[in-house]
Amino acid sequence: MRVEWPRNSQGRAIMSVDEERRQIELVVDRLAVEHTTVSHDMVEQIVHEVHATFDGGVVRDFVPLLVERSAKRKIAALISF
């Protein structure tokens, strides 16, 4: 199944707000599975805190990827103590 993304005036695919939220929840799930020594609630909190730092950004296409990378570093720092 192919996903049809909304497009901007130049015909470039853009991520919808709902899709971004869905992707962020997938990030939470992936990181919770990857870091079983950290509670799911803590992973969720970290991911949502990182996601909030991107509020107001114009280009949203890579936000889920950037959130995942940053949250992964924060979780790694948390468990290294």
Protein backbone atom coordinates (compact mmCIF):
# COMPACT_ATOMS: atom_id res chain seq x y z
CA MET A 1 0.00 0.00 0.00
CA ARG A 2 1.37 3.39 -0.97
CA VAL A 3 0.78 6.39 1.29
CA GLU A 4 -0.25 9.56 -0.51
CA TRP A 5 1.19 12.54 1.35
CA PRO A 6 -0.39 15.99 1.17
CA ARG A 7 1.52 18.31 -1.16
CA ASN A 8 2.53 21.95 -0.92
CA SER A 9 2.11 24.53 -3.69
CA GLN A 10 5.31 23.30 -5.37
CA GLY A 11 4.00 19.74 -5.45
CA ARG A 12 6.38 18.57 -2.74
CA ALA A 13 5.00 16.01 -0.29
CA ILE A 14 4.54 17.30 3.25
CA MET A 15 3.82 15.47 6.48
CA SER A 16 0.43 16.18 8.03
CA VAL A 17 0.10 17.00 11.73
CA ASP A 18 -1.71 13.71 12.32
CA GLU A 19 1.01 11.74 10.54
CA GLU A 20 3.71 13.51 12.54
CA ARG A 21 1.92 12.56 15.77
CA ARG A 22 1.61 8.97 14.58
CA GLN A 23 5.31 8.87 13.73
CA ILE A 24 6.22 10.28 17.16
CA GLU A 25 4.19 7.54 18.86
CA LEU A 26 6.05 4.97 16.74
CA VAL A 27 9.31 6.52 17.96
CA VAL A 28 8.13 6.05 21.56
CA ASP A 29 7.30 2.42 20.86
CA ARG A 30 10.62 1.69 19.11
CA LEU A 31 12.71 3.30 21.84
CA ALA A 32 10.74 1.59 24.61
CA VAL A 33 11.43 -1.79 22.99
CA GLU A 34 15.08 -0.89 22.45
CA HIS A 35 15.60 0.35 26.03
CA THR A 36 13.81 -2.11 28.27
CA THR A 37 15.63 -0.88 31.38
CA VAL A 38 13.81 2.46 31.08
CA SER A 39 10.08 2.59 31.76
CA HIS A 40 7.75 3.19 28.85
CA ASP A 41 6.45 6.30 30.64
CA MET A 42 9.97 7.72 30.92
CA VAL A 43 10.69 7.03 27.24
CA GLU A 44 7.40 8.70 26.33
CA GLN A 45 8.22 11.73 28.48
CA ILE A 46 11.67 12.12 26.93
CA VAL A 47 10.36 11.78 23.38
CA HIS A 48 7.59 14.32 23.98
CA GLU A 49 10.01 16.77 25.63
CA VAL A 50 12.35 16.50 22.65
CA HIS A 51 9.42 16.81 20.24
CA ALA A 52 8.32 20.02 21.97
CA THR A 53 11.68 21.61 21.15
CA PHE A 54 10.69 21.50 17.49
CA ASP A 55 7.46 23.46 18.04
CA GLY A 56 7.26 26.41 15.71
CA GLY A 57 9.61 24.90 13.15
CA VAL A 58 8.49 25.44 9.58
CA VAL A 59 9.93 22.33 7.93
CA ARG A 60 8.39 19.30 9.64
CA ASP A 61 9.43 16.49 7.28
CA PHE A 62 12.35 15.25 9.37
CA VAL A 63 11.05 16.06 12.85
CA PRO A 64 10.29 12.42 13.80
CA LEU A 65 13.79 11.33 12.73
CA LEU A 66 15.44 14.20 14.60
CA VAL A 67 13.32 13.52 17.68
CA GLU A 68 14.27 9.85 17.63
CA ARG A 69 17.99 10.58 17.37
CA SER A 70 17.93 13.17 20.16
CA ALA A 71 15.73 11.07 22.45
CA LYS A 72 18.00 8.06 21.87
CA ARG A 73 21.00 10.10 23.06
CA LYS A 74 19.11 11.33 26.13
CA ILE A 75 18.02 7.81 27.05
CA ALA A 76 21.57 6.50 26.58
CA ALA A 77 22.86 9.25 28.89
CA LEU A 78 20.16 8.39 31.43
CA ILE A 79 21.05 4.70 31.57
CA SER A 80 24.81 5.30 31.65
CA PHE A 81 24.59 6.75 35.17
